Amino acid sequence: MLDMEDHLFHRHCFTGSVSEADEWMKNLLIVVFWISPKIYTDRSVQNAARFISLERMILETDSPYLAASPAETVDVARKVAKLKALPIEDVLMSTSINATRLYEH
Protein backbone atom coordinates (compact mmCIF):
# COMPACT_ATOMS: atom_id res chain seq x y z
CA MET A 1 0.00 0.00 0.00
CA LEU A 2 1.33 3.43 -0.88
CA ASP A 3 1.57 6.11 1.78
CA MET A 4 -0.50 8.84 0.12
CA GLU A 5 -0.12 11.51 2.81
CA ASP A 6 3.05 13.05 1.40
CA HIS A 7 2.07 12.92 -2.25
CA LEU A 8 0.52 15.81 -4.12
CA PHE A 9 -1.83 14.65 -6.84
CA HIS A 10 -3.29 16.73 -9.62
CA ARG A 11 -6.25 16.04 -11.85
CA HIS A 12 -5.05 17.42 -15.16
CA CYS A 13 -7.86 18.78 -17.37
CA PHE A 14 -10.56 17.87 -14.86
CA THR A 15 -13.88 17.32 -16.61
CA GLY A 16 -15.57 15.25 -13.93
CA SER A 17 -18.60 15.71 -11.76
CA VAL A 18 -19.02 16.99 -8.22
CA SER A 19 -19.25 13.40 -6.98
CA GLU A 20 -16.02 12.48 -8.76
CA ALA A 21 -14.21 15.51 -7.28
CA ASP A 22 -15.59 14.65 -3.84
CA GLU A 23 -14.37 11.07 -4.16
CA TRP A 24 -10.86 12.23 -5.08
CA MET A 25 -10.80 14.64 -2.12
CA LYS A 26 -12.01 11.98 0.31
CA ASN A 27 -9.35 9.50 -0.80
CA LEU A 28 -6.36 11.78 -1.31
CA LEU A 29 -5.31 14.31 1.29
CA ILE A 30 -3.55 16.58 -1.19
CA VAL A 31 -5.20 16.81 -4.61
CA VAL A 32 -5.64 19.79 -6.92
CA PHE A 33 -7.92 20.06 -9.94
CA TRP A 34 -6.96 21.82 -13.16
CA ILE A 35 -9.89 23.83 -14.51
CA SER A 36 -9.89 24.38 -18.28
CA PRO A 37 -11.86 26.35 -20.88
CA LYS A 38 -14.32 23.42 -20.80
CA ILE A 39 -15.86 25.43 -17.95
CA TYR A 40 -17.58 27.63 -20.57
CA THR A 41 -19.73 24.84 -22.00
CA ASP A 42 -19.73 21.86 -19.64
CA ARG A 43 -22.28 22.12 -16.84
CA SER A 44 -20.58 19.29 -14.94
CA VAL A 45 -17.31 21.25 -14.88
CA GLN A 46 -19.20 24.37 -13.81
CA ASN A 47 -20.82 22.53 -10.90
CA ALA A 48 -17.50 20.97 -9.91
CA ALA A 49 -15.82 24.40 -9.98
CA ARG A 50 -18.46 25.67 -7.56
CA PHE A 51 -17.82 22.68 -5.29
CA ILE A 52 -14.01 22.51 -5.34
CA SER A 53 -12.38 24.97 -2.97
CA LEU A 54 -9.96 27.53 -4.40
CA GLU A 55 -7.18 25.91 -2.35
CA ARG A 56 -7.56 22.83 -4.58
CA MET A 57 -7.81 24.55 -7.95
CA ILE A 58 -5.36 25.52 -10.71
CA LEU A 59 -6.16 27.13 -14.06
CA GLU A 60 -5.38 24.79 -16.97
CA THR A 61 -2.80 26.04 -19.45
CA ASP A 62 -1.78 22.74 -21.04
CA SER A 63 -3.14 20.15 -23.47
CA PRO A 64 -5.61 18.75 -24.32
CA TYR A 65 -7.75 21.73 -23.28
CA LEU A 66 -5.08 24.35 -23.76
CA ALA A 67 -6.11 27.95 -23.36
CA ALA A 68 -5.66 29.62 -26.74
CA SER A 69 -3.86 32.54 -25.11
CA PRO A 70 -2.88 33.86 -21.69
CA ALA A 71 -5.95 36.09 -21.87
CA GLU A 72 -8.16 33.00 -22.08
CA THR A 73 -6.67 31.74 -18.83
CA VAL A 74 -7.84 34.98 -17.24
CA ASP A 75 -11.26 34.38 -18.79
CA VAL A 76 -11.38 30.95 -17.13
CA ALA A 77 -10.53 32.66 -13.83
CA ARG A 78 -13.30 35.17 -14.48
CA LYS A 79 -15.79 32.31 -15.03
CA VAL A 80 -14.65 30.56 -11.82
CA ALA A 81 -15.01 33.85 -9.94
CA LYS A 82 -18.54 34.32 -11.27
CA LEU A 83 -19.55 30.75 -10.37
CA LYS A 84 -18.15 31.13 -6.86
CA ALA A 85 -19.34 34.75 -6.43
CA LEU A 86 -15.80 35.86 -5.63
CA PRO A 87 -13.55 38.64 -6.92
CA ILE A 88 -11.41 37.51 -9.85
CA GLU A 89 -8.34 38.69 -7.91
CA ASP A 90 -9.03 35.99 -5.28
CA VAL A 91 -9.20 33.29 -7.95
CA LEU A 92 -6.02 34.47 -9.68
CA MET A 93 -4.09 34.74 -6.41
CA SER A 94 -5.19 31.39 -5.04
CA THR A 95 -4.65 29.45 -8.27
CA SER A 96 -1.21 31.03 -8.70
CA ILE A 97 -0.23 30.01 -5.18
CA ASN A 98 -1.52 26.49 -5.83
CA ALA A 99 0.48 26.17 -9.06
CA THR A 100 3.63 27.32 -7.26
CA ARG A 101 2.98 24.83 -4.47
CA LEU A 102 2.46 22.02 -7.00
CA TYR A 103 5.75 22.66 -8.79
CA GLU A 104 7.74 23.22 -5.62
CA HIS A 105 6.43 20.02 -4.01
PDB file of N, CA and C in Angstrom:
ATOM      1  N   MET A   1       0.842  -1.185   0.000  1.00  0.00           N
ATOM      2  CA  MET A   1       0.000   0.000   0.000  1.00  0.00           C
ATOM      3  C   MET A   1       0.883   1.243   0.000  1.00  0.00           C
ATOM      4  N   LEU A   2       0.578   2.183  -0.838  1.00  0.00           N
ATOM      5  CA  LEU A   2       1.332   3.431  -0.884  1.00  0.00           C
ATOM      6  C   LEU A   2       0.910   4.356   0.248  1.00  0.00           C
ATOM      7  N   ASP A   3       1.868   5.074   0.803  1.00  0.00           N
ATOM      8  CA  ASP A   3       1.571   6.113   1.778  1.00  0.00           C
ATOM      9  C   ASP A   3       1.232   7.371   0.984  1.00  0.00           C
ATOM     10  N   MET A   4      -0.035   7.739   0.958  1.00  0.00           N
ATOM     11  CA  MET A   4      -0.497   8.844   0.121  1.00  0.00           C
ATOM     12  C   MET A   4      -0.389  10.206   0.802  1.00  0.00           C
ATOM     13  N   GLU A   5      -0.099  10.246   2.078  1.00  0.00           N
ATOM     14  CA  GLU A   5      -0.123  11.511   2.807  1.00  0.00           C
ATOM     15  C   GLU A   5       0.867  12.537   2.284  1.00  0.00           C
ATOM     16  N   ASP A   6       2.025  12.109   1.831  1.00  0.00           N
ATOM     17  CA  ASP A   6       3.052  13.048   1.400  1.00  0.00           C
ATOM     18  C   ASP A   6       3.048  13.325  -0.094  1.00  0.00           C
ATOM     19  N   HIS A   7       2.104  12.757  -0.799  1.00  0.00           N
ATOM     20  CA  HIS A   7       2.068  12.918  -2.249  1.00  0.00           C
ATOM     21  C   HIS A   7       1.037  13.962  -2.648  1.00  0.00           C
ATOM     22  N   LEU A   8       1.428  14.821  -3.562  1.00  0.00           N
ATOM     23  CA  LEU A   8       0.521  15.812  -4.117  1.00  0.00           C
ATOM     24  C   LEU A   8       0.046  15.296  -5.464  1.00  0.00           C
ATOM     25  N   PHE A   9      -1.243  15.147  -5.601  1.00  0.00           N
ATOM     26  CA  PHE A   9      -1.833  14.652  -6.837  1.00  0.00           C
ATOM     27  C   PHE A   9      -2.525  15.806  -7.551  1.00  0.00           C
ATOM     28  N   HIS A  10      -2.511  15.747  -8.877  1.00  0.00           N
ATOM     29  CA  HIS A  10      -3.288  16.732  -9.623  1.00  0.00           C
ATOM     30  C   HIS A  10      -4.122  16.030 -10.676  1.00  0.00           C
ATOM     31  N   ARG A  11      -5.339  16.538 -10.835  1.00  0.00           N
ATOM     32  CA  ARG A  11      -6.251  16.038 -11.853  1.00  0.00           C
ATOM     33  C   ARG A  11      -6.180  16.983 -13.032  1.00  0.00           C
ATOM     34  N   HIS A  12      -5.296  16.644 -13.953  1.00  0.00           N
ATOM     35  CA  HIS A  12      -5.049  17.425 -15.163  1.00  0.00           C
ATOM     36  C   HIS A  12      -6.323  17.456 -15.998  1.00  0.00           C
ATOM     37  N   CYS A  13      -6.696  18.619 -16.500  1.00  0.00           N
ATOM     38  CA  CYS A  13      -7.865  18.782 -17.367  1.00  0.00           C
ATOM     39  C   CYS A  13      -9.119  18.147 -16.771  1.00  0.00           C
ATOM     40  N   PHE A  14      -9.422  18.488 -15.542  1.00  0.00           N
ATOM     41  CA  PHE A  14     -10.560  17.868 -14.862  1.00  0.00           C
ATOM     42  C   PHE A  14     -11.864  18.192 -15.578  1.00  0.00           C
ATOM     43  N   THR A  15     -12.580  17.164 -15.967  1.00  0.00           N
ATOM     44  CA  THR A  15     -13.883  17.321 -16.613  1.00  0.00           C
ATOM     45  C   THR A  15     -14.932  16.473 -15.914  1.00  0.00           C
ATOM     46  N   GLY A  16     -14.674  16.128 -14.669  1.00  0.00           N
ATOM     47  CA  GLY A  16     -15.568  15.253 -13.931  1.00  0.00           C
ATOM     48  C   GLY A  16     -16.699  15.991 -13.232  1.00  0.00           C
ATOM     49  N   SER A  17     -17.429  15.219 -12.482  1.00  0.00           N
ATOM     50  CA  SER A  17     -18.599  15.714 -11.760  1.00  0.00           C
ATOM     51  C   SER A  17     -18.229  16.102 -10.330  1.00  0.00           C
ATOM     52  N   VAL A  18     -19.195  16.670  -9.636  1.00  0.00           N
ATOM     53  CA  VAL A  18     -19.024  16.988  -8.217  1.00  0.00           C
ATOM     54  C   VAL A  18     -18.736  15.708  -7.437  1.00  0.00           C
ATOM     55  N   SER A  19     -19.468  14.646  -7.722  1.00  0.00           N
ATOM     56  CA  SER A  19     -19.252  13.395  -6.981  1.00  0.00           C
ATOM     57  C   SER A  19     -17.867  12.817  -7.238  1.00  0.00           C
ATOM     58  N   GLU A  20     -17.369  12.956  -8.461  1.00  0.00           N
ATOM     59  CA  GLU A  20     -16.015  12.482  -8.755  1.00  0.00           C
ATOM     60  C   GLU A  20     -14.977  13.320  -8.013  1.00  0.00           C
ATOM     61  N   ALA A  21     -15.139  14.636  -8.019  1.00  0.00           N
ATOM     62  CA  ALA A  21     -14.214  15.507  -7.276  1.00  0.00           C
ATOM     63  C   ALA A  21     -14.251  15.184  -5.790  1.00  0.00           C
ATOM     64  N   ASP A  22     -15.442  14.981  -5.264  1.00  0.00           N
ATOM     65  CA  ASP A  22     -15.590  14.647  -3.844  1.00  0.00           C
ATOM     66  C   ASP A  22     -14.887  13.339  -3.508  1.00  0.00           C
ATOM     67  N   GLU A  23     -15.024  12.363  -4.373  1.00  0.00           N
ATOM     68  CA  GLU A  23     -14.367  11.068  -4.159  1.00  0.00           C
ATOM     69  C   GLU A  23     -12.849  11.216  -4.130  1.00  0.00           C
ATOM     70  N   TRP A  24     -12.305  11.986  -5.063  1.00  0.00           N
ATOM     71  CA  TRP A  24     -10.859  12.233  -5.078  1.00  0.00           C
ATOM     72  C   TRP A  24     -10.421  12.907  -3.776  1.00  0.00           C
ATOM     73  N   MET A  25     -11.187  13.909  -3.331  1.00  0.00           N
ATOM     74  CA  MET A  25     -10.799  14.644  -2.124  1.00  0.00           C
ATOM     75  C   MET A  25     -10.910  13.784  -0.872  1.00  0.00           C
ATOM     76  N   LYS A  26     -11.859  12.869  -0.844  1.00  0.00           N
ATOM     77  CA  LYS A  26     -12.005  11.978   0.313  1.00  0.00           C
ATOM     78  C   LYS A  26     -10.864  10.963   0.386  1.00  0.00           C
ATOM     79  N   ASN A  27     -10.356  10.557  -0.768  1.00  0.00           N
ATOM     80  CA  ASN A  27      -9.354   9.501  -0.803  1.00  0.00           C
ATOM     81  C   ASN A  27      -7.909   9.987  -0.865  1.00  0.00           C
ATOM     82  N   LEU A  28      -7.709  11.232  -1.226  1.00  0.00           N
ATOM     83  CA  LEU A  28      -6.356  11.782  -1.311  1.00  0.00           C
ATOM     84  C   LEU A  28      -6.302  13.072  -0.507  1.00  0.00           C
ATOM     85  N   LEU A  29      -5.394  13.141   0.424  1.00  0.00           N
ATOM     86  CA  LEU A  29      -5.312  14.314   1.285  1.00  0.00           C
ATOM     87  C   LEU A  29      -4.911  15.572   0.532  1.00  0.00           C
ATOM     88  N   ILE A  30      -4.032  15.421  -0.447  1.00  0.00           N
ATOM     89  CA  ILE A  30      -3.552  16.581  -1.194  1.00  0.00           C
ATOM     90  C   ILE A  30      -3.809  16.330  -2.683  1.00  0.00           C
ATOM     91  N   VAL A  31      -4.878  16.926  -3.193  1.00  0.00           N
ATOM     92  CA  VAL A  31      -5.202  16.806  -4.614  1.00  0.00           C
ATOM     93  C   VAL A  31      -5.671  18.172  -5.108  1.00  0.00           C
ATOM     94  N   VAL A  32      -5.196  18.548  -6.289  1.00  0.00           N
ATOM     95  CA  VAL A  32      -5.637  19.790  -6.924  1.00  0.00           C
ATOM     96  C   VAL A  32      -6.244  19.448  -8.282  1.00  0.00           C
ATOM     97  N   PHE A  33      -7.177  20.267  -8.697  1.00  0.00           N
ATOM     98  CA  PHE A  33      -7.917  20.061  -9.937  1.00  0.00           C
ATOM     99  C   PHE A  33      -7.610  21.193 -10.904  1.00  0.00           C
ATOM    100  N   TRP A  34      -7.254  20.840 -12.117  1.00  0.00           N
ATOM    101  CA  TRP A  34      -6.957  21.825 -13.155  1.00  0.00           C
ATOM    102  C   TRP A  34      -8.259  22.138 -13.883  1.00  0.00           C
ATOM    103  N   ILE A  35      -8.649  23.403 -13.876  1.00  0.00           N
ATOM    104  CA  ILE A  35      -9.891  23.834 -14.509  1.00  0.00           C
ATOM    105  C   ILE A  35      -9.562  24.474 -15.862  1.00  0.00           C
ATOM    106  N   SER A  36     -10.217  23.988 -16.904  1.00  0.00           N
ATOM    107  CA  SER A  36      -9.889  24.378 -18.279  1.00  0.00           C
ATOM    108  C   SER A  36     -11.008  25.214 -18.909  1.00  0.00           C
ATOM    109  N   PRO A  37     -10.797  25.655 -20.152  1.00  0.00           N
ATOM    110  CA  PRO A  37     -11.860  26.354 -20.876  1.00  0.00           C
ATOM    111  C   PRO A  37     -13.131  25.520 -21.067  1.00  0.00           C
ATOM    112  N   LYS A  38     -13.106  24.236 -20.772  1.00  0.00           N
ATOM    113  CA  LYS A  38     -14.325  23.417 -20.801  1.00  0.00           C
ATOM    114  C   LYS A  38     -15.373  23.996 -19.852  1.00  0.00           C
ATOM    115  N   ILE A  39     -14.941  24.836 -18.916  1.00  0.00           N
ATOM    116  CA  ILE A  39     -15.860  25.430 -17.953  1.00  0.00           C
ATOM    117  C   ILE A  39     -16.907  26.311 -18.636  1.00  0.00           C
ATOM    118  N   TYR A  40     -16.621  26.784 -19.851  1.00  0.00           N
ATOM    119  CA  TYR A  40     -17.579  27.632 -20.570  1.00  0.00           C
ATOM    120  C   TYR A  40     -18.818  26.858 -20.994  1.00  0.00           C
ATOM    121  N   THR A  41     -18.641  25.584 -21.356  1.00  0.00           N
ATOM    122  CA  THR A  41     -19.726  24.839 -22.005  1.00  0.00           C
ATOM    123  C   THR A  41     -20.181  23.594 -21.258  1.00  0.00           C
ATOM    124  N   ASP A  42     -19.421  23.137 -20.305  1.00  0.00           N
ATOM    125  CA  ASP A  42     -19.726  21.865 -19.637  1.00  0.00           C
ATOM    126  C   ASP A  42     -20.315  22.129 -18.252  1.00  0.00           C
ATOM    127  N   ARG A  43     -21.604  21.855 -18.109  1.00  0.00           N
ATOM    128  CA  ARG A  43     -22.284  22.115 -16.837  1.00  0.00           C
ATOM    129  C   ARG A  43     -21.676  21.309 -15.690  1.00  0.00           C
ATOM    130  N   SER A  44     -21.213  20.107 -15.967  1.00  0.00           N
ATOM    131  CA  SER A  44     -20.578  19.288 -14.938  1.00  0.00           C
ATOM    132  C   SER A  44     -19.324  19.972 -14.390  1.00  0.00           C
ATOM    133  N   VAL A  45     -18.516  20.533 -15.292  1.00  0.00           N
ATOM    134  CA  VAL A  45     -17.307  21.252 -14.879  1.00  0.00           C
ATOM    135  C   VAL A  45     -17.692  22.514 -14.105  1.00  0.00           C
ATOM    136  N   GLN A  46     -18.734  23.186 -14.529  1.00  0.00           N
ATOM    137  CA  GLN A  46     -19.202  24.372 -13.808  1.00  0.00           C
ATOM    138  C   GLN A  46     -19.623  24.021 -12.381  1.00  0.00           C
ATOM    139  N   ASN A  47     -20.391  22.949 -12.228  1.00  0.00           N
ATOM    140  CA  ASN A  47     -20.821  22.526 -10.896  1.00  0.00           C
ATOM    141  C   ASN A  47     -19.634  22.100 -10.038  1.00  0.00           C
ATOM    142  N   ALA A  48     -18.699  21.394 -10.648  1.00  0.00           N
ATOM    143  CA  ALA A  48     -17.501  20.971  -9.907  1.00  0.00           C
ATOM    144  C   ALA A  48     -16.683  22.185  -9.471  1.00  0.00           C
ATOM    145  N   ALA A  49     -16.578  23.181 -10.337  1.00  0.00           N
ATOM    146  CA  ALA A  49     -15.824  24.397  -9.983  1.00  0.00           C
ATOM    147  C   ALA A  49     -16.466  25.118  -8.803  1.00  0.00           C
ATOM    148  N   ARG A  50     -17.781  25.093  -8.727  1.00  0.00           N
ATOM    149  CA  ARG A  50     -18.464  25.673  -7.562  1.00  0.00           C
ATOM    150  C   ARG A  50     -18.122  24.884  -6.293  1.00  0.00           C
ATOM    151  N   PHE A  51     -18.029  23.581  -6.429  1.00  0.00           N
ATOM    152  CA  PHE A  51     -17.823  22.678  -5.294  1.00  0.00           C
ATOM    153  C   PHE A  51     -16.381  22.659  -4.789  1.00  0.00           C
ATOM    154  N   ILE A  52     -15.426  22.628  -5.699  1.00  0.00           N
ATOM    155  CA  ILE A  52     -14.005  22.514  -5.340  1.00  0.00           C
ATOM    156  C   ILE A  52     -13.534  23.834  -4.731  1.00  0.00           C
ATOM    157  N   SER A  53     -12.876  23.749  -3.598  1.00  0.00           N
ATOM    158  CA  SER A  53     -12.377  24.973  -2.970  1.00  0.00           C
ATOM    159  C   SER A  53     -11.233  25.561  -3.789  1.00  0.00           C
ATOM    160  N   LEU A  54     -11.055  26.873  -3.679  1.00  0.00           N
ATOM    161  CA  LEU A  54      -9.961  27.527  -4.400  1.00  0.00           C
ATOM    162  C   LEU A  54      -8.602  26.948  -4.026  1.00  0.00           C
ATOM    163  N   GLU A  55      -8.463  26.472  -2.806  1.00  0.00           N
ATOM    164  CA  GLU A  55      -7.184  25.907  -2.352  1.00  0.00           C
ATOM    165  C   GLU A  55      -6.827  24.627  -3.089  1.00  0.00           C
ATOM    166  N   ARG A  56      -7.781  24.072  -3.839  1.00  0.00           N
ATOM    167  CA  ARG A  56      -7.558  22.826  -4.581  1.00  0.00           C
ATOM    168  C   ARG A  56      -7.705  23.028  -6.090  1.00  0.00           C
ATOM    169  N   MET A  57      -7.536  24.246  -6.552  1.00  0.00           N
ATOM    170  CA  MET A  57      -7.806  24.549  -7.952  1.00  0.00           C
ATOM    171  C   MET A  57      -6.618  25.251  -8.609  1.00  0.00           C
ATOM    172  N   ILE A  58      -6.367  24.870  -9.864  1.00  0.00           N
ATOM    173  CA  ILE A  58      -5.358  25.515 -10.712  1.00  0.00           C
ATOM    174  C   ILE A  58      -6.021  25.770 -12.062  1.00  0.00           C
ATOM    175  N   LEU A  59      -5.625  26.827 -12.732  1.00  0.00           N
ATOM    176  CA  LEU A  59      -6.163  27.128 -14.056  1.00  0.00           C
ATOM    177  C   LEU A  59      -5.351  26.383 -15.108  1.00  0.00           C
ATOM    178  N   GLU A  60      -6.021  25.626 -15.947  1.00  0.00           N
ATOM    179  CA  GLU A  60      -5.378  24.794 -16.967  1.00  0.00           C
ATOM    180  C   GLU A  60      -4.740  25.649 -18.062  1.00  0.00           C
ATOM    181  N   THR A  61      -3.501  25.347 -18.362  1.00  0.00           N
ATOM    182  CA  THR A  61      -2.800  26.040 -19.446  1.00  0.00           C
ATOM    183  C   THR A  61      -2.107  25.054 -20.376  1.00  0.00           C
ATOM    184  N   ASP A  62      -2.478  23.784 -20.305  1.00  0.00           N
ATOM    185  CA  ASP A  62      -1.783  22.742 -21.043  1.00  0.00           C
ATOM    186  C   ASP A  62      -2.789  21.864 -21.782  1.00  0.00           C
ATOM    187  N   SER A  63      -2.309  21.032 -22.672  1.00  0.00           N
ATOM    188  CA  SER A  63      -3.145  20.149 -23.475  1.00  0.00           C
ATOM    189  C   SER A  63      -3.856  19.125 -22.600  1.00  0.00           C
ATOM    190  N   PRO A  64      -4.964  18.582 -23.023  1.00  0.00           N
ATOM    191  CA  PRO A  64      -5.610  18.749 -24.322  1.00  0.00           C
ATOM    192  C   PRO A  64      -6.590  19.928 -24.377  1.00  0.00           C
ATOM    193  N   TYR A  65      -6.811  20.597 -23.285  1.00  0.00           N
ATOM    194  CA  TYR A  65      -7.751  21.725 -23.281  1.00  0.00           C
ATOM    195  C   TYR A  65      -6.992  23.027 -23.079  1.00  0.00           C
ATOM    196  N   LEU A  66      -5.962  23.203 -23.856  1.00  0.00           N
ATOM    197  CA  LEU A  66      -5.080  24.351 -23.761  1.00  0.00           C
ATOM    198  C   LEU A  66      -5.834  25.650 -23.985  1.00  0.00           C
ATOM    199  N   ALA A  67      -5.587  26.608 -23.121  1.00  0.00           N
ATOM    200  CA  ALA A  67      -6.107  27.947 -23.360  1.00  0.00           C
ATOM    201  C   ALA A  67      -5.434  28.491 -24.620  1.00  0.00           C
ATOM    202  N   ALA A  68      -6.196  29.123 -25.467  1.00  0.00           N
ATOM    203  CA  ALA A  68      -5.661  29.621 -26.740  1.00  0.00           C
ATOM    204  C   ALA A  68      -4.652  30.739 -26.530  1.00  0.00           C
ATOM    205  N   SER A  69      -4.771  31.440 -25.404  1.00  0.00           N
ATOM    206  CA  SER A  69      -3.858  32.540 -25.115  1.00  0.00           C
ATOM    207  C   SER A  69      -3.852  32.787 -23.612  1.00  0.00           C
ATOM    208  N   PRO A  70      -2.866  33.518 -23.119  1.00  0.00           N
ATOM    209  CA  PRO A  70      -2.877  33.857 -21.691  1.00  0.00           C
ATOM    210  C   PRO A  70      -4.155  34.592 -21.288  1.00  0.00           C
ATOM    211  N   ALA A  71      -4.702  35.377 -22.172  1.00  0.00           N
ATOM    212  CA  ALA A  71      -5.947  36.089 -21.867  1.00  0.00           C
ATOM    213  C   ALA A  71      -7.087  35.116 -21.603  1.00  0.00           C
ATOM    214  N   GLU A  72      -7.098  33.980 -22.308  1.00  0.00           N
ATOM    215  CA  GLU A  72      -8.157  33.001 -22.079  1.00  0.00           C
ATOM    216  C   GLU A  72      -8.042  32.385 -20.689  1.00  0.00           C
ATOM    217  N   THR A  73      -6.843  32.234 -20.191  1.00  0.00           N
ATOM    218  CA  THR A  73      -6.666  31.737 -18.826  1.00  0.00           C
ATOM    219  C   THR A  73      -7.320  32.703 -17.838  1.00  0.00           C
ATOM    220  N   VAL A  74      -7.184  33.983 -18.086  1.00  0.00           N
ATOM    221  CA  VAL A  74      -7.838  34.985 -17.239  1.00  0.00           C
ATOM    222  C   VAL A  74      -9.352  34.877 -17.395  1.00  0.00           C
ATOM    223  N   ASP A  75      -9.822  34.570 -18.590  1.00  0.00           N
ATOM    224  CA  ASP A  75     -11.264  34.385 -18.792  1.00  0.00           C
ATOM    225  C   ASP A  75     -11.784  33.184 -18.003  1.00  0.00           C
ATOM    226  N   VAL A  76     -11.006  32.110 -17.941  1.00  0.00           N
ATOM    227  CA  VAL A  76     -11.383  30.954 -17.129  1.00  0.00           C
ATOM    228  C   VAL A  76     -11.465  31.376 -15.665  1.00  0.00           C
ATOM    229  N   ALA A  77     -10.497  32.151 -15.210  1.00  0.00           N
ATOM    230  CA  ALA A  77     -10.525  32.662 -13.829  1.00  0.00           C
ATOM    231  C   ALA A  77     -11.765  33.510 -13.603  1.00  0.00           C
ATOM    232  N   ARG A  78     -12.108  34.321 -14.584  1.00  0.00           N
ATOM    233  CA  ARG A  78     -13.303  35.168 -14.478  1.00  0.00           C
ATOM    234  C   ARG A  78     -14.562  34.309 -14.341  1.00  0.00           C
ATOM    235  N   LYS A  79     -14.630  33.208 -15.106  1.00  0.00           N
ATOM    236  CA  LYS A  79     -15.792  32.306 -15.028  1.00  0.00           C
ATOM    237  C   LYS A  79     -15.847  31.624 -13.663  1.00  0.00           C
ATOM    238  N   VAL A  80     -14.698  31.176 -13.160  1.00  0.00           N
ATOM    239  CA  VAL A  80     -14.649  30.563 -11.824  1.00  0.00           C
ATOM    240  C   VAL A  80     -15.116  31.576 -10.785  1.00  0.00           C
ATOM    241  N   ALA A  81     -14.631  32.804 -10.886  1.00  0.00           N
ATOM    242  CA  ALA A  81     -15.009  33.849  -9.938  1.00  0.00           C
ATOM    243  C   ALA A  81     -16.522  34.081  -9.965  1.00  0.00           C
ATOM    244  N   LYS A  82     -17.090  34.120 -11.146  1.00  0.00           N
ATOM    245  CA  LYS A  82     -18.540  34.316 -11.269  1.00  0.00           C
ATOM    246  C   LYS A  82     -19.302  33.152 -10.642  1.00  0.00           C
ATOM    247  N   LEU A  83     -18.873  31.930 -10.925  1.00  0.00           N
ATOM    248  CA  LEU A  83     -19.552  30.749 -10.371  1.00  0.00           C
ATOM    249  C   LEU A  83     -19.473  30.699  -8.849  1.00  0.00           C
ATOM    250  N   LYS A  84     -18.355  31.170  -8.310  1.00  0.00           N
ATOM    251  CA  LYS A  84     -18.149  31.131  -6.860  1.00  0.00           C
ATOM    252  C   LYS A  84     -18.553  32.437  -6.172  1.00  0.00           C
ATOM    253  N   ALA A  85     -18.970  33.422  -6.953  1.00  0.00           N
ATOM    254  CA  ALA A  85     -19.339  34.747  -6.434  1.00  0.00           C
ATOM    255  C   ALA A  85     -18.187  35.347  -5.625  1.00  0.00           C
ATOM    256  N   LEU A  86     -17.014  35.318  -6.247  1.00  0.00           N
ATOM    257  CA  LEU A  86     -15.801  35.862  -5.633  1.00  0.00           C
ATOM    258  C   LEU A  86     -15.157  36.871  -6.578  1.00  0.00           C
ATOM    259  N   PRO A  87     -14.322  37.748  -6.033  1.00  0.00           N
ATOM    260  CA  PRO A  87     -13.552  38.637  -6.919  1.00  0.00           C
ATOM    261  C   PRO A  87     -12.551  37.822  -7.740  1.00  0.00           C
ATOM    262  N   ILE A  88     -12.359  38.210  -8.990  1.00  0.00           N
ATOM    263  CA  ILE A  88     -11.406  37.507  -9.850  1.00  0.00           C
ATOM    264  C   ILE A  88     -10.006  37.529  -9.244  1.00  0.00           C
ATOM    265  N   GLU A  89      -9.669  38.593  -8.532  1.00  0.00           N
ATOM    266  CA  GLU A  89      -8.342  38.687  -7.913  1.00  0.00           C
ATOM    267  C   GLU A  89      -8.108  37.531  -6.931  1.00  0.00           C
ATOM    268  N   ASP A  90      -9.158  37.125  -6.217  1.00  0.00           N
ATOM    269  CA  ASP A  90      -9.034  35.991  -5.282  1.00  0.00           C
ATOM    270  C   ASP A  90      -8.734  34.700  -6.027  1.00  0.00           C
ATOM    271  N   VAL A  91      -9.411  34.502  -7.146  1.00  0.00           N
ATOM    272  CA  VAL A  91      -9.197  33.293  -7.948  1.00  0.00           C
ATOM    273  C   VAL A  91      -7.784  33.279  -8.521  1.00  0.00           C
ATOM    274  N   LEU A  92      -7.362  34.404  -9.091  1.00  0.00           N
ATOM    275  CA  LEU A  92      -6.024  34.470  -9.682  1.00  0.00           C
ATOM    276  C   LEU A  92      -4.936  34.266  -8.633  1.00  0.00           C
ATOM    277  N   MET A  93      -5.094  34.880  -7.475  1.00  0.00           N
ATOM    278  CA  MET A  93      -4.087  34.742  -6.414  1.00  0.00           C
ATOM    279  C   MET A  93      -4.024  33.301  -5.907  1.00  0.00           C
ATOM    280  N   SER A  94      -5.157  32.741  -5.596  1.00  0.00           N
ATOM    281  CA  SER A  94      -5.185  31.389  -5.043  1.00  0.00           C
ATOM    282  C   SER A  94      -4.659  30.353  -6.040  1.00  0.00           C
ATOM    283  N   THR A  95      -5.096  30.436  -7.288  1.00  0.00           N
ATOM    284  CA  THR A  95      -4.645  29.446  -8.270  1.00  0.00           C
ATOM    285  C   THR A  95      -3.157  29.604  -8.587  1.00  0.00           C
ATOM    286  N   SER A  96      -2.650  30.819  -8.512  1.00  0.00           N
ATOM    287  CA  SER A  96      -1.206  31.028  -8.702  1.00  0.00           C
ATOM    288  C   SER A  96      -0.413  30.411  -7.555  1.00  0.00           C
ATOM    289  N   ILE A  97      -0.883  30.616  -6.346  1.00  0.00           N
ATOM    290  CA  ILE A  97      -0.229  30.011  -5.176  1.00  0.00           C
ATOM    291  C   ILE A  97      -0.267  28.491  -5.289  1.00  0.00           C
ATOM    292  N   ASN A  98      -1.390  27.946  -5.707  1.00  0.00           N
ATOM    293  CA  ASN A  98      -1.522  26.490  -5.834  1.00  0.00           C
ATOM    294  C   ASN A  98      -0.574  25.926  -6.892  1.00  0.00           C
ATOM    295  N   ALA A  99      -0.443  26.626  -8.005  1.00  0.00           N
ATOM    296  CA  ALA A  99       0.480  26.169  -9.055  1.00  0.00           C
ATOM    297  C   ALA A  99       1.907  26.182  -8.556  1.00  0.00           C
ATOM    298  N   THR A 100       2.291  27.237  -7.833  1.00  0.00           N
ATOM    299  CA  THR A 100       3.632  27.323  -7.264  1.00  0.00           C
ATOM    300  C   THR A 100       3.873  26.181  -6.294  1.00  0.00           C
ATOM    301  N   ARG A 101       2.878  25.912  -5.452  1.00  0.00           N
ATOM    302  CA  ARG A 101       2.978  24.825  -4.471  1.00  0.00           C
ATOM    303  C   ARG A 101       3.127  23.477  -5.183  1.00  0.00           C
ATOM    304  N   LEU A 102       2.394  23.281  -6.253  1.00  0.00           N
ATOM    305  CA  LEU A 102       2.462  22.024  -6.998  1.00  0.00           C
ATOM    306  C   LEU A 102       3.872  21.803  -7.553  1.00  0.00           C
ATOM    307  N   TYR A 103       4.450  22.817  -8.157  1.00  0.00           N
ATOM    308  CA  TYR A 103       5.749  22.657  -8.794  1.00  0.00           C
ATOM    309  C   TYR A 103       6.910  22.712  -7.823  1.00  0.00           C
ATOM    310  N   GLU A 104       6.691  23.239  -6.632  1.00  0.00           N
ATOM    311  CA  GLU A 104       7.745  23.219  -5.623  1.00  0.00           C
ATOM    312  C   GLU A 104       7.727  21.932  -4.806  1.00  0.00           C
ATOM    313  N   HIS A 105       6.626  21.218  -4.845  1.00  0.00           N
ATOM    314  CA  HIS A 105       6.432  20.024  -4.009  1.00  0.00           C
ATOM    315  C   HIS A 105       7.346  18.898  -4.414  1.00  0.00           C
TER     316      HIS A 105
END
